[in-house]
Amino acid sequence: MSVKHHSEIKFKVGLDENKVPEEIAWSAKDGGIDNEASKAIMLSVWDHKKKDTLRMDLWTKDMPVDEMKQFYHQTLVSMADTFERATDDQKMSATMRDFCDYFAEKLELKK
């Protein structure tokens, strides 16, 4: 297979004098996203040579704690969904979702 198209996702992070994020914006032209503001990013990249995950977690100073808890919960739920699509391991995906429910209950995210 040969590459027919390249797509870019860009993040722009505005930092204060201590290099702490003040603002985050992202663009993904193919997805119709252009310079959209965000309060947090979680990015994981698989290094296939080292068999290790490289991570970048950033959030702005004004990201509210309650929104950070919700962001983590939604990220965990989406990871369970992605895990199921990638591996077809329905049993472990269900276990992950059970943990997500527990996580939400303990943080009082669900009513």
PDB file of N, CA and C in Angstrom:
ATOM      1  N   MET A   1       0.843  -1.186   0.000  1.00  0.00           N
ATOM      2  CA  MET A   1       0.000   0.000   0.000  1.00  0.00           C
ATOM      3  C   MET A   1       0.885   1.246   0.000  1.00  0.00           C
ATOM      4  N   SER A   2       0.487   2.205  -0.765  1.00  0.00           N
ATOM      5  CA  SER A   2       1.220   3.465  -0.767  1.00  0.00           C
ATOM      6  C   SER A   2       0.348   4.559  -0.152  1.00  0.00           C
ATOM      7  N   VAL A   3       0.995   5.506   0.483  1.00  0.00           N
ATOM      8  CA  VAL A   3       0.284   6.611   1.126  1.00  0.00           C
ATOM      9  C   VAL A   3      -0.343   7.482   0.049  1.00  0.00           C
ATOM     10  N   LYS A   4      -1.615   7.727   0.172  1.00  0.00           N
ATOM     11  CA  LYS A   4      -2.348   8.539  -0.797  1.00  0.00           C
ATOM     12  C   LYS A   4      -2.587   9.966  -0.308  1.00  0.00           C
ATOM     13  N   HIS A   5      -2.512  10.152   0.992  1.00  0.00           N
ATOM     14  CA  HIS A   5      -2.836  11.464   1.567  1.00  0.00           C
ATOM     15  C   HIS A   5      -2.152  11.583   2.929  1.00  0.00           C
ATOM     16  N   HIS A   6      -1.700  12.756   3.261  1.00  0.00           N
ATOM     17  CA  HIS A   6      -1.193  13.035   4.594  1.00  0.00           C
ATOM     18  C   HIS A   6      -2.145  13.988   5.293  1.00  0.00           C
ATOM     19  N   SER A   7      -2.346  13.779   6.568  1.00  0.00           N
ATOM     20  CA  SER A   7      -3.222  14.605   7.372  1.00  0.00           C
ATOM     21  C   SER A   7      -2.433  15.098   8.576  1.00  0.00           C
ATOM     22  N   GLU A   8      -2.681  16.318   8.998  1.00  0.00           N
ATOM     23  CA  GLU A   8      -1.975  16.877  10.150  1.00  0.00           C
ATOM     24  C   GLU A   8      -2.939  17.254  11.260  1.00  0.00           C
ATOM     25  N   ILE A   9      -2.486  17.035  12.472  1.00  0.00           N
ATOM     26  CA  ILE A   9      -3.163  17.528  13.661  1.00  0.00           C
ATOM     27  C   ILE A   9      -2.134  18.394  14.368  1.00  0.00           C
ATOM     28  N   LYS A  10      -2.491  19.629  14.647  1.00  0.00           N
ATOM     29  CA  LYS A  10      -1.547  20.569  15.259  1.00  0.00           C
ATOM     30  C   LYS A  10      -2.087  21.064  16.592  1.00  0.00           C
ATOM     31  N   PHE A  11      -1.173  21.201  17.541  1.00  0.00           N
ATOM     32  CA  PHE A  11      -1.489  21.781  18.840  1.00  0.00           C
ATOM     33  C   PHE A  11      -0.627  23.027  19.016  1.00  0.00           C
ATOM     34  N   LYS A  12      -1.239  24.091  19.511  1.00  0.00           N
ATOM     35  CA  LYS A  12      -0.502  25.307  19.827  1.00  0.00           C
ATOM     36  C   LYS A  12      -0.722  25.578  21.309  1.00  0.00           C
ATOM     37  N   VAL A  13       0.371  25.661  22.067  1.00  0.00           N
ATOM     38  CA  VAL A  13       0.293  25.835  23.513  1.00  0.00           C
ATOM     39  C   VAL A  13       0.945  27.160  23.884  1.00  0.00           C
ATOM     40  N   GLY A  14       0.167  28.045  24.496  1.00  0.00           N
ATOM     41  CA  GLY A  14       0.690  29.317  24.987  1.00  0.00           C
ATOM     42  C   GLY A  14       1.120  29.143  26.434  1.00  0.00           C
ATOM     43  N   LEU A  15       2.372  29.490  26.723  1.00  0.00           N
ATOM     44  CA  LEU A  15       2.960  29.286  28.049  1.00  0.00           C
ATOM     45  C   LEU A  15       3.204  30.597  28.776  1.00  0.00           C
ATOM     46  N   ASP A  16       3.166  30.540  30.105  1.00  0.00           N
ATOM     47  CA  ASP A  16       3.531  31.704  30.895  1.00  0.00           C
ATOM     48  C   ASP A  16       5.055  31.739  31.071  1.00  0.00           C
ATOM     49  N   GLU A  17       5.541  32.656  31.872  1.00  0.00           N
ATOM     50  CA  GLU A  17       6.991  32.812  32.069  1.00  0.00           C
ATOM     51  C   GLU A  17       7.643  31.576  32.694  1.00  0.00           C
ATOM     52  N   ASN A  18       6.852  30.727  33.380  1.00  0.00           N
ATOM     53  CA  ASN A  18       7.369  29.498  33.986  1.00  0.00           C
ATOM     54  C   ASN A  18       7.105  28.269  33.116  1.00  0.00           C
ATOM     55  N   LYS A  19       6.681  28.513  31.889  1.00  0.00           N
ATOM     56  CA  LYS A  19       6.384  27.460  30.922  1.00  0.00           C
ATOM     57  C   LYS A  19       5.210  26.575  31.348  1.00  0.00           C
ATOM     58  N   VAL A  20       4.268  27.187  32.056  1.00  0.00           N
ATOM     59  CA  VAL A  20       3.028  26.523  32.431  1.00  0.00           C
ATOM     60  C   VAL A  20       1.962  26.922  31.403  1.00  0.00           C
ATOM     61  N   PRO A  21       1.206  25.950  30.868  1.00  0.00           N
ATOM     62  CA  PRO A  21       0.214  26.289  29.842  1.00  0.00           C
ATOM     63  C   PRO A  21      -0.843  27.290  30.311  1.00  0.00           C
ATOM     64  N   GLU A  22      -0.998  28.346  29.520  1.00  0.00           N
ATOM     65  CA  GLU A  22      -2.036  29.353  29.732  1.00  0.00           C
ATOM     66  C   GLU A  22      -3.210  29.103  28.784  1.00  0.00           C
ATOM     67  N   GLU A  23      -2.881  28.643  27.574  1.00  0.00           N
ATOM     68  CA  GLU A  23      -3.917  28.386  26.576  1.00  0.00           C
ATOM     69  C   GLU A  23      -3.468  27.263  25.653  1.00  0.00           C
ATOM     70  N   ILE A  24      -4.444  26.538  25.147  1.00  0.00           N
ATOM     71  CA  ILE A  24      -4.201  25.437  24.218  1.00  0.00           C
ATOM     72  C   ILE A  24      -5.202  25.583  23.078  1.00  0.00           C
ATOM     73  N   ALA A  25      -4.711  25.407  21.857  1.00  0.00           N
ATOM     74  CA  ALA A  25      -5.588  25.404  20.686  1.00  0.00           C
ATOM     75  C   ALA A  25      -5.132  24.277  19.775  1.00  0.00           C
ATOM     76  N   TRP A  26      -6.080  23.730  19.032  1.00  0.00           N
ATOM     77  CA  TRP A  26      -5.723  22.652  18.119  1.00  0.00           C
ATOM     78  C   TRP A  26      -6.447  22.792  16.796  1.00  0.00           C
ATOM     79  N   SER A  27      -5.820  22.211  15.766  1.00  0.00           N
ATOM     80  CA  SER A  27      -6.376  22.241  14.414  1.00  0.00           C
ATOM     81  C   SER A  27      -6.229  20.867  13.789  1.00  0.00           C
ATOM     82  N   ALA A  28      -7.245  20.461  13.071  1.00  0.00           N
ATOM     83  CA  ALA A  28      -7.244  19.222  12.284  1.00  0.00           C
ATOM     84  C   ALA A  28      -8.089  19.519  11.052  1.00  0.00           C
ATOM     85  N   LYS A  29      -7.450  20.068  10.039  1.00  0.00           N
ATOM     86  CA  LYS A  29      -8.166  20.559   8.852  1.00  0.00           C
ATOM     87  C   LYS A  29      -9.074  19.490   8.250  1.00  0.00           C
ATOM     88  N   ASP A  30      -8.591  18.236   8.165  1.00  0.00           N
ATOM     89  CA  ASP A  30      -9.410  17.166   7.579  1.00  0.00           C
ATOM     90  C   ASP A  30     -10.662  16.885   8.402  1.00  0.00           C
ATOM     91  N   GLY A  31     -10.628  17.218   9.684  1.00  0.00           N
ATOM     92  CA  GLY A  31     -11.782  17.013  10.555  1.00  0.00           C
ATOM     93  C   GLY A  31     -12.621  18.268  10.725  1.00  0.00           C
ATOM     94  N   GLY A  32     -12.246  19.350  10.034  1.00  0.00           N
ATOM     95  CA  GLY A  32     -12.995  20.590  10.125  1.00  0.00           C
ATOM     96  C   GLY A  32     -12.720  21.389  11.390  1.00  0.00           C
ATOM     97  N   ILE A  33     -11.611  21.104  12.057  1.00  0.00           N
ATOM     98  CA  ILE A  33     -11.248  21.811  13.290  1.00  0.00           C
ATOM     99  C   ILE A  33     -10.159  22.822  12.949  1.00  0.00           C
ATOM    100  N   ASP A  34     -10.390  24.083  13.296  1.00  0.00           N
ATOM    101  CA  ASP A  34      -9.400  25.121  13.004  1.00  0.00           C
ATOM    102  C   ASP A  34      -9.207  26.019  14.211  1.00  0.00           C
ATOM    103  N   ASN A  35      -8.087  25.844  14.861  1.00  0.00           N
ATOM    104  CA  ASN A  35      -7.688  26.691  15.983  1.00  0.00           C
ATOM    105  C   ASN A  35      -8.738  26.727  17.100  1.00  0.00           C
ATOM    106  N   GLU A  36      -9.243  25.550  17.473  1.00  0.00           N
ATOM    107  CA  GLU A  36     -10.248  25.435  18.538  1.00  0.00           C
ATOM    108  C   GLU A  36      -9.565  25.439  19.905  1.00  0.00           C
ATOM    109  N   ALA A  37     -10.123  26.187  20.824  1.00  0.00           N
ATOM    110  CA  ALA A  37      -9.584  26.257  22.182  1.00  0.00           C
ATOM    111  C   ALA A  37      -9.866  24.963  22.934  1.00  0.00           C
ATOM    112  N   SER A  38      -8.953  24.620  23.825  1.00  0.00           N
ATOM    113  CA  SER A  38      -9.102  23.458  24.698  1.00  0.00           C
ATOM    114  C   SER A  38      -8.454  23.778  26.031  1.00  0.00           C
ATOM    115  N   LYS A  39      -8.855  23.056  27.055  1.00  0.00           N
ATOM    116  CA  LYS A  39      -8.258  23.245  28.380  1.00  0.00           C
ATOM    117  C   LYS A  39      -7.284  22.133  28.741  1.00  0.00           C
ATOM    118  N   ALA A  40      -7.309  21.014  27.972  1.00  0.00           N
ATOM    119  CA  ALA A  40      -6.434  19.892  28.317  1.00  0.00           C
ATOM    120  C   ALA A  40      -6.178  19.004  27.100  1.00  0.00           C
ATOM    121  N   ILE A  41      -5.030  18.330  27.139  1.00  0.00           N
ATOM    122  CA  ILE A  41      -4.629  17.369  26.105  1.00  0.00           C
ATOM    123  C   ILE A  41      -4.058  16.144  26.804  1.00  0.00           C
ATOM    124  N   MET A  42      -4.428  14.971  26.312  1.00  0.00           N
ATOM    125  CA  MET A  42      -3.752  13.722  26.683  1.00  0.00           C
ATOM    126  C   MET A  42      -3.390  13.058  25.368  1.00  0.00           C
ATOM    127  N   LEU A  43      -2.111  12.870  25.154  1.00  0.00           N
ATOM    128  CA  LEU A  43      -1.649  12.291  23.901  1.00  0.00           C
ATOM    129  C   LEU A  43      -0.714  11.135  24.210  1.00  0.00           C
ATOM    130  N   SER A  44      -0.975   9.988  23.600  1.00  0.00           N
ATOM    131  CA  SER A  44      -0.116   8.809  23.755  1.00  0.00           C
ATOM    132  C   SER A  44       0.370   8.383  22.384  1.00  0.00           C
ATOM    133  N   VAL A  45       1.652   8.095  22.296  1.00  0.00           N
ATOM    134  CA  VAL A  45       2.259   7.658  21.045  1.00  0.00           C
ATOM    135  C   VAL A  45       3.017   6.364  21.324  1.00  0.00           C
ATOM    136  N   TRP A  46       2.788   5.356  20.495  1.00  0.00           N
ATOM    137  CA  TRP A  46       3.441   4.064  20.671  1.00  0.00           C
ATOM    138  C   TRP A  46       4.794   4.067  19.961  1.00  0.00           C
ATOM    139  N   ASP A  47       5.867   3.844  20.725  1.00  0.00           N
ATOM    140  CA  ASP A  47       7.210   3.694  20.168  1.00  0.00           C
ATOM    141  C   ASP A  47       7.416   2.209  19.919  1.00  0.00           C
ATOM    142  N   HIS A  48       7.237   1.780  18.675  1.00  0.00           N
ATOM    143  CA  HIS A  48       7.296   0.356  18.353  1.00  0.00           C
ATOM    144  C   HIS A  48       8.706  -0.220  18.480  1.00  0.00           C
ATOM    145  N   LYS A  49       9.709   0.618  18.405  1.00  0.00           N
ATOM    146  CA  LYS A  49      11.080   0.122  18.560  1.00  0.00           C
ATOM    147  C   LYS A  49      11.385  -0.213  20.014  1.00  0.00           C
ATOM    148  N   LYS A  50      10.986   0.666  20.911  1.00  0.00           N
ATOM    149  CA  LYS A  50      11.234   0.467  22.342  1.00  0.00           C
ATOM    150  C   LYS A  50      10.115  -0.300  23.033  1.00  0.00           C
ATOM    151  N   LYS A  51       8.987  -0.513  22.318  1.00  0.00           N
ATOM    152  CA  LYS A  51       7.808  -1.153  22.905  1.00  0.00           C
ATOM    153  C   LYS A  51       7.383  -0.407  24.164  1.00  0.00           C
ATOM    154  N   ASP A  52       7.235   0.911  23.995  1.00  0.00           N
ATOM    155  CA  ASP A  52       6.914   1.771  25.127  1.00  0.00           C
ATOM    156  C   ASP A  52       5.995   2.896  24.654  1.00  0.00           C
ATOM    157  N   THR A  53       5.221   3.420  25.570  1.00  0.00           N
ATOM    158  CA  THR A  53       4.315   4.519  25.275  1.00  0.00           C
ATOM    159  C   THR A  53       4.953   5.833  25.695  1.00  0.00           C
ATOM    160  N   LEU A  54       4.928   6.782  24.782  1.00  0.00           N
ATOM    161  CA  LEU A  54       5.381   8.142  25.066  1.00  0.00           C
ATOM    162  C   LEU A  54       4.118   8.967  25.291  1.00  0.00           C
ATOM    163  N   ARG A  55       4.137   9.799  26.320  1.00  0.00           N
ATOM    164  CA  ARG A  55       2.917  10.526  26.682  1.00  0.00           C
ATOM    165  C   ARG A  55       3.173  12.011  26.830  1.00  0.00           C
ATOM    166  N   MET A  56       2.120  12.765  26.569  1.00  0.00           N
ATOM    167  CA  MET A  56       2.130  14.192  26.835  1.00  0.00           C
ATOM    168  C   MET A  56       0.771  14.529  27.441  1.00  0.00           C
ATOM    169  N   ASP A  57       0.781  15.002  28.654  1.00  0.00           N
ATOM    170  CA  ASP A  57      -0.442  15.424  29.343  1.00  0.00           C
ATOM    171  C   ASP A  57      -0.267  16.896  29.712  1.00  0.00           C
ATOM    172  N   LEU A  58      -1.116  17.736  29.162  1.00  0.00           N
ATOM    173  CA  LEU A  58      -1.063  19.169  29.453  1.00  0.00           C
ATOM    174  C   LEU A  58      -2.454  19.668  29.805  1.00  0.00           C
ATOM    175  N   TRP A  59      -2.510  20.631  30.697  1.00  0.00           N
ATOM    176  CA  TRP A  59      -3.767  21.299  30.995  1.00  0.00           C
ATOM    177  C   TRP A  59      -3.451  22.729  31.397  1.00  0.00           C
ATOM    178  N   THR A  60      -4.398  23.606  31.123  1.00  0.00           N
ATOM    179  CA  THR A  60      -4.201  25.019  31.433  1.00  0.00           C
ATOM    180  C   THR A  60      -4.425  25.270  32.921  1.00  0.00           C
ATOM    181  N   LYS A  61      -3.859  26.371  33.373  1.00  0.00           N
ATOM    182  CA  LYS A  61      -3.987  26.732  34.784  1.00  0.00           C
ATOM    183  C   LYS A  61      -5.429  26.914  35.210  1.00  0.00           C
ATOM    184  N   ASP A  62      -6.284  27.307  34.268  1.00  0.00           N
ATOM    185  CA  ASP A  62      -7.676  27.572  34.636  1.00  0.00           C
ATOM    186  C   ASP A  62      -8.610  26.394  34.367  1.00  0.00           C
ATOM    187  N   MET A  63      -8.045  25.202  34.168  1.00  0.00           N
ATOM    188  CA  MET A  63      -8.871  23.995  34.004  1.00  0.00           C
ATOM    189  C   MET A  63      -9.475  23.654  35.362  1.00  0.00           C
ATOM    190  N   PRO A  64     -10.801  23.721  35.496  1.00  0.00           N
ATOM    191  CA  PRO A  64     -11.425  23.412  36.782  1.00  0.00           C
ATOM    192  C   PRO A  64     -11.244  21.933  37.159  1.00  0.00           C
ATOM    193  N   VAL A  65     -11.063  21.662  38.430  1.00  0.00           N
ATOM    194  CA  VAL A  65     -10.849  20.297  38.910  1.00  0.00           C
ATOM    195  C   VAL A  65     -12.037  19.400  38.565  1.00  0.00           C
ATOM    196  N   ASP A  66     -13.257  19.904  38.686  1.00  0.00           N
ATOM    197  CA  ASP A  66     -14.417  19.074  38.368  1.00  0.00           C
ATOM    198  C   ASP A  66     -14.432  18.690  36.883  1.00  0.00           C
ATOM    199  N   GLU A  67     -13.986  19.597  36.011  1.00  0.00           N
ATOM    200  CA  GLU A  67     -13.899  19.267  34.589  1.00  0.00           C
ATOM    201  C   GLU A  67     -12.762  18.281  34.321  1.00  0.00           C
ATOM    202  N   MET A  68     -11.659  18.384  35.079  1.00  0.00           N
ATOM    203  CA  MET A  68     -10.554  17.440  34.923  1.00  0.00           C
ATOM    204  C   MET A  68     -11.006  16.036  35.295  1.00  0.00           C
ATOM    205  N   LYS A  69     -11.807  15.901  36.337  1.00  0.00           N
ATOM    206  CA  LYS A  69     -12.334  14.594  36.733  1.00  0.00           C
ATOM    207  C   LYS A  69     -13.227  14.026  35.627  1.00  0.00           C
ATOM    208  N   GLN A  70     -14.062  14.869  35.069  1.00  0.00           N
ATOM    209  CA  GLN A  70     -14.939  14.438  33.982  1.00  0.00           C
ATOM    210  C   GLN A  70     -14.124  14.071  32.735  1.00  0.00           C
ATOM    211  N   PHE A  71     -13.103  14.850  32.442  1.00  0.00           N
ATOM    212  CA  PHE A  71     -12.204  14.587  31.310  1.00  0.00           C
ATOM    213  C   PHE A  71     -11.535  13.224  31.465  1.00  0.00           C
ATOM    214  N   TYR A  72     -11.030  12.933  32.649  1.00  0.00           N
ATOM    215  CA  TYR A  72     -10.410  11.622  32.906  1.00  0.00           C
ATOM    216  C   TYR A  72     -11.428  10.497  32.730  1.00  0.00           C
ATOM    217  N   HIS A  73     -12.618  10.676  33.282  1.00  0.00           N
ATOM    218  CA  HIS A  73     -13.638   9.638  33.168  1.00  0.00           C
ATOM    219  C   HIS A  73     -13.979   9.369  31.711  1.00  0.00           C
ATOM    220  N   GLN A  74     -14.231  10.417  30.947  1.00  0.00           N
ATOM    221  CA  GLN A  74     -14.575  10.240  29.545  1.00  0.00           C
ATOM    222  C   GLN A  74     -13.423   9.620  28.753  1.00  0.00           C
ATOM    223  N   THR A  75     -12.198   9.961  29.124  1.00  0.00           N
ATOM    224  CA  THR A  75     -11.027   9.369  28.462  1.00  0.00           C
ATOM    225  C   THR A  75     -10.948   7.878  28.756  1.00  0.00           C
ATOM    226  N   LEU A  76     -11.189   7.497  30.003  1.00  0.00           N
ATOM    227  CA  LEU A  76     -11.174   6.081  30.367  1.00  0.00           C
ATOM    228  C   LEU A  76     -12.262   5.304  29.620  1.00  0.00           C
ATOM    229  N   VAL A  77     -13.458   5.870  29.507  1.00  0.00           N
ATOM    230  CA  VAL A  77     -14.542   5.216  28.776  1.00  0.00           C
ATOM    231  C   VAL A  77     -14.159   5.042  27.309  1.00  0.00           C
ATOM    232  N   SER A  78     -13.592   6.081  26.718  1.00  0.00           N
ATOM    233  CA  SER A  78     -13.208   5.974  25.305  1.00  0.00           C
ATOM    234  C   SER A  78     -12.069   4.978  25.116  1.00  0.00           C
ATOM    235  N   MET A  79     -11.189   4.852  26.104  1.00  0.00           N
ATOM    236  CA  MET A  79     -10.122   3.852  26.018  1.00  0.00           C
ATOM    237  C   MET A  79     -10.703   2.435  26.034  1.00  0.00           C
ATOM    238  N   ALA A  80     -11.731   2.214  26.826  1.00  0.00           N
ATOM    239  CA  ALA A  80     -12.386   0.899  26.855  1.00  0.00           C
ATOM    240  C   ALA A  80     -13.011   0.602  25.488  1.00  0.00           C
ATOM    241  N   ASP A  81     -13.654   1.594  24.897  1.00  0.00           N
ATOM    242  CA  ASP A  81     -14.256   1.423  23.569  1.00  0.00           C
ATOM    243  C   ASP A  81     -13.185   1.134  22.513  1.00  0.00           C
ATOM    244  N   THR A  82     -12.109   1.900  22.548  1.00  0.00           N
ATOM    245  CA  THR A  82     -11.019   1.709  21.584  1.00  0.00           C
ATOM    246  C   THR A  82     -10.363   0.351  21.772  1.00  0.00           C
ATOM    247  N   PHE A  83     -10.162  -0.036  23.030  1.00  0.00           N
ATOM    248  CA  PHE A  83      -9.567  -1.344  23.313  1.00  0.00           C
ATOM    249  C   PHE A  83     -10.408  -2.462  22.699  1.00  0.00           C
ATOM    250  N   GLU A  84     -11.731  -2.352  22.833  1.00  0.00           N
ATOM    251  CA  GLU A  84     -12.608  -3.380  22.276  1.00  0.00           C
ATOM    252  C   GLU A  84     -12.527  -3.412  20.748  1.00  0.00           C
ATOM    253  N   ARG A  85     -12.549  -2.233  20.119  1.00  0.00           N
ATOM    254  CA  ARG A  85     -12.451  -2.196  18.654  1.00  0.00           C
ATOM    255  C   ARG A  85     -11.105  -2.738  18.164  1.00  0.00           C
ATOM    256  N   ALA A  86     -10.034  -2.438  18.893  1.00  0.00           N
ATOM    257  CA  ALA A  86      -8.686  -2.833  18.465  1.00  0.00           C
ATOM    258  C   ALA A  86      -8.380  -4.304  18.715  1.00  0.00           C
ATOM    259  N   THR A  87      -8.949  -4.871  19.786  1.00  0.00           N
ATOM    260  CA  THR A  87      -8.578  -6.236  20.184  1.00  0.00           C
ATOM    261  C   THR A  87      -9.721  -7.241  20.083  1.00  0.00           C
ATOM    262  N   ASP A  88     -10.934  -6.759  20.021  1.00  0.00           N
ATOM    263  CA  ASP A  88     -12.145  -7.585  20.066  1.00  0.00           C
ATOM    264  C   ASP A  88     -12.233  -8.386  21.375  1.00  0.00           C
ATOM    265  N   ASP A  89     -11.561  -7.889  22.402  1.00  0.00           N
ATOM    266  CA  ASP A  89     -11.602  -8.531  23.723  1.00  0.00           C
ATOM    267  C   ASP A  89     -12.769  -7.932  24.506  1.00  0.00           C
ATOM    268  N   GLN A  90     -13.935  -8.531  24.335  1.00  0.00           N
ATOM    269  CA  GLN A  90     -15.152  -7.998  24.940  1.00  0.00           C
ATOM    270  C   GLN A  90     -15.170  -8.144  26.451  1.00  0.00           C
ATOM    271  N   LYS A  91     -14.587  -9.225  26.951  1.00  0.00           N
ATOM    272  CA  LYS A  91     -14.583  -9.460  28.397  1.00  0.00           C
ATOM    273  C   LYS A  91     -13.756  -8.389  29.120  1.00  0.00           C
ATOM    274  N   MET A  92     -12.559  -8.105  28.630  1.00  0.00           N
ATOM    275  CA  MET A  92     -11.724  -7.096  29.288  1.00  0.00           C
ATOM    276  C   MET A  92     -12.300  -5.699  29.084  1.00  0.00           C
ATOM    277  N   SER A  93     -12.904  -5.458  27.947  1.00  0.00           N
ATOM    278  CA  SER A  93     -13.540  -4.163  27.710  1.00  0.00           C
ATOM    279  C   SER A  93     -14.673  -3.934  28.701  1.00  0.00           C
ATOM    280  N   ALA A  94     -15.449  -4.962  28.954  1.00  0.00           N
ATOM    281  CA  ALA A  94     -16.528  -4.866  29.932  1.00  0.00           C
ATOM    282  C   ALA A  94     -15.965  -4.609  31.331  1.00  0.00           C
ATOM    283  N   THR A  95     -14.850  -5.253  31.647  1.00  0.00           N
ATOM    284  CA  THR A  95     -14.198  -5.038  32.946  1.00  0.00           C
ATOM    285  C   THR A  95     -13.722  -3.596  33.054  1.00  0.00           C
ATOM    286  N   MET A  96     -13.165  -3.077  31.980  1.00  0.00           N
ATOM    287  CA  MET A  96     -12.723  -1.681  31.974  1.00  0.00           C
ATOM    288  C   MET A  96     -13.916  -0.741  32.180  1.00  0.00           C
ATOM    289  N   ARG A  97     -15.030  -1.036  31.541  1.00  0.00           N
ATOM    290  CA  ARG A  97     -16.225  -0.201  31.705  1.00  0.00           C
ATOM    291  C   ARG A  97     -16.776  -0.283  33.130  1.00  0.00           C
ATOM    292  N   ASP A  98     -16.670  -1.457  33.742  1.00  0.00           N
ATOM    293  CA  ASP A  98     -17.070  -1.586  35.149  1.00  0.00           C
ATOM    294  C   ASP A  98     -16.227  -0.653  36.013  1.00  0.00           C
ATOM    295  N   PHE A  99     -14.913  -0.613  35.741  1.00  0.00           N
ATOM    296  CA  PHE A  99     -14.054   0.295  36.493  1.00  0.00           C
ATOM    297  C   PHE A  99     -14.463   1.749  36.240  1.00  0.00           C
ATOM    298  N   CYS A 100     -14.805   2.075  35.004  1.00  0.00           N
ATOM    299  CA  CYS A 100     -15.236   3.437  34.681  1.00  0.00           C
ATOM    300  C   CYS A 100     -16.478   3.822  35.477  1.00  0.00           C
ATOM    301  N   ASP A 101     -17.405   2.883  35.608  1.00  0.00           N
ATOM    302  CA  ASP A 101     -18.603   3.125  36.417  1.00  0.00           C
ATOM    303  C   ASP A 101     -18.227   3.356  37.879  1.00  0.00           C
ATOM    304  N   TYR A 102     -17.310   2.539  38.397  1.00  0.00           N
ATOM    305  CA  TYR A 102     -16.832   2.676  39.772  1.00  0.00           C
ATOM    306  C   TYR A 102     -16.153   4.030  39.964  1.00  0.00           C
ATOM    307  N   PHE A 103     -15.293   4.394  39.010  1.00  0.00           N
ATOM    308  CA  PHE A 103     -14.582   5.668  39.030  1.00  0.00           C
ATOM    309  C   PHE A 103     -15.578   6.830  39.088  1.00  0.00           C
ATOM    310  N   ALA A 104     -16.583   6.802  38.229  1.00  0.00           N
ATOM    311  CA  ALA A 104     -17.595   7.854  38.183  1.00  0.00           C
ATOM    312  C   ALA A 104     -18.397   7.908  39.483  1.00  0.00           C
ATOM    313  N   GLU A 105     -18.715   6.732  40.023  1.00  0.00           N
ATOM    314  CA  GLU A 105     -19.478   6.681  41.277  1.00  0.00           C
ATOM    315  C   GLU A 105     -18.671   7.304  42.413  1.00  0.00           C
ATOM    316  N   LYS A 106     -17.404   6.929  42.538  1.00  0.00           N
ATOM    317  CA  LYS A 106     -16.560   7.445  43.626  1.00  0.00           C
ATOM    318  C   LYS A 106     -16.324   8.949  43.503  1.00  0.00           C
ATOM    319  N   LEU A 107     -16.278   9.452  42.260  1.00  0.00           N
ATOM    320  CA  LEU A 107     -16.102  10.893  42.074  1.00  0.00           C
ATOM    321  C   LEU A 107     -17.432  11.632  42.005  1.00  0.00           C
ATOM    322  N   GLU A 108     -18.531  10.867  42.179  1.00  0.00           N
ATOM    323  CA  GLU A 108     -19.870  11.427  42.137  1.00  0.00           C
ATOM    324  C   GLU A 108     -20.130  12.182  40.827  1.00  0.00           C
ATOM    325  N   LEU A 109     -19.714  11.547  39.715  1.00  0.00           N
ATOM    326  CA  LEU A 109     -19.918  12.148  38.409  1.00  0.00           C
ATOM    327  C   LEU A 109     -21.276  11.815  37.826  1.00  0.00           C
ATOM    328  N   LYS A 110     -21.821  10.644  38.207  1.00  0.00           N
ATOM    329  CA  LYS A 110     -23.120  10.230  37.705  1.00  0.00           C
ATOM    330  C   LYS A 110     -24.167  10.468  38.774  1.00  0.00           C
ATOM    331  N   LYS A 111     -25.316  10.842  38.338  1.00  0.00           N
ATOM    332  CA  LYS A 111     -26.388  11.121  39.296  1.00  0.00           C
ATOM    333  C   LYS A 111     -27.393  10.003  39.331  1.00  0.00           C
TER     334      LYS A 111
END
